[in-house]
Amino acid sequence: MRRIVITVLSGIALVSLGSLASAATLKKEPAMGALKEGQRVLVDDGSCPKGQIKEVIGGNHTSVGGSKQTLRQRRCIPRR
């Protein structure tokens, strides 16, 4: 389990580093606890209306090992 978490976090870090000028676009939402607090990713999973994409903002909730009660946020935003 620990190896999987490290692999997921490493992958997200590489995606983030490779796209400093633009947000990372993923096909599915990262696992809970995989995003840092405030980290933003774009998720193209088809859940938003046409012409929009889901923006996911990482939280820091105690239920996933964080130290605060900050929940992950999701919203649909216009595609760029």
Protein backbone atom coordinates (compact mmCIF):
# COMPACT_ATOMS: atom_id res chain seq x y z
CA MET A 1 0.00 0.00 0.00
CA ARG A 2 2.78 2.42 0.90
CA ARG A 3 4.55 1.72 -2.40
CA ILE A 4 1.33 2.51 -4.32
CA VAL A 5 0.89 5.82 -2.48
CA ILE A 6 4.52 6.79 -3.18
CA THR A 7 4.11 5.86 -6.85
CA VAL A 8 0.91 7.90 -7.18
CA LEU A 9 2.46 10.90 -5.44
CA SER A 10 5.59 10.66 -7.59
CA GLY A 11 3.47 10.55 -10.73
CA ILE A 12 1.46 13.58 -9.67
CA ALA A 13 4.67 15.45 -8.79
CA LEU A 14 6.12 14.72 -12.24
CA VAL A 15 2.93 15.85 -13.96
CA SER A 16 2.93 19.03 -11.87
CA LEU A 17 6.59 19.78 -12.62
CA GLY A 18 6.11 19.16 -16.31
CA SER A 19 3.20 21.56 -16.55
CA LEU A 20 4.15 24.62 -14.54
CA ALA A 21 2.77 26.92 -17.22
CA SER A 22 -0.50 25.04 -17.52
CA ALA A 23 -2.58 22.89 -15.20
CA ALA A 24 -2.32 19.11 -15.40
CA THR A 25 -5.27 17.45 -17.14
CA LEU A 26 -6.10 14.00 -15.80
CA LYS A 27 -8.68 11.43 -16.93
CA LYS A 28 -9.79 10.65 -13.35
CA GLU A 29 -9.59 12.34 -10.00
CA PRO A 30 -6.50 11.52 -7.90
CA ALA A 31 -7.00 9.36 -4.80
CA MET A 32 -7.89 11.09 -1.55
CA GLY A 33 -4.74 12.37 0.14
CA ALA A 34 -2.78 12.44 -3.15
CA LEU A 35 -3.09 16.22 -3.68
CA LYS A 36 -1.39 18.79 -1.49
CA GLU A 37 -3.54 21.40 0.19
CA GLY A 38 -4.39 24.04 -2.42
CA GLN A 39 -2.94 22.05 -5.36
CA ARG A 40 -5.16 22.33 -8.44
CA VAL A 41 -5.62 19.80 -11.21
CA LEU A 42 -8.01 19.62 -14.14
CA VAL A 43 -9.96 16.38 -14.55
CA ASP A 44 -11.56 15.53 -17.89
CA ASP A 45 -13.86 12.71 -16.72
CA GLY A 46 -17.01 13.83 -18.55
CA SER A 47 -18.83 14.95 -15.40
CA CYS A 48 -19.08 18.62 -16.43
CA PRO A 49 -21.27 20.15 -19.16
CA LYS A 50 -19.95 20.62 -22.70
CA GLY A 51 -17.29 23.35 -22.88
CA GLN A 52 -16.33 22.95 -19.21
CA ILE A 53 -13.81 20.87 -17.27
CA LYS A 54 -13.68 19.85 -13.60
CA GLU A 55 -11.17 21.69 -11.41
CA VAL A 56 -10.15 19.82 -8.24
CA ILE A 57 -8.43 21.67 -5.40
CA GLY A 58 -6.63 19.55 -2.80
CA GLY A 59 -7.61 19.67 0.85
CA ASN A 60 -5.96 18.61 4.09
CA HIS A 61 -8.67 16.70 5.92
CA THR A 62 -7.96 14.58 8.99
CA SER A 63 -9.93 11.65 7.51
CA VAL A 64 -7.15 11.13 4.93
CA GLY A 65 -4.19 11.78 7.21
CA GLY A 66 -4.17 15.58 7.10
CA SER A 67 -3.97 17.97 10.01
CA LYS A 68 -6.94 20.24 9.26
CA GLN A 69 -10.64 20.02 8.38
CA THR A 70 -10.09 21.41 4.86
CA LEU A 71 -12.12 19.41 2.33
CA ARG A 72 -11.22 18.82 -1.31
CA GLN A 73 -13.13 21.20 -3.60
CA ARG A 74 -14.58 20.43 -7.03
CA ARG A 75 -16.16 22.76 -9.58
CA CYS A 76 -16.75 22.99 -13.30
CA ILE A 77 -14.90 25.81 -15.06
CA PRO A 78 -14.78 26.93 -18.71
CA ARG A 79 -12.15 25.18 -20.85
CA ARG A 80 -9.29 27.40 -21.96
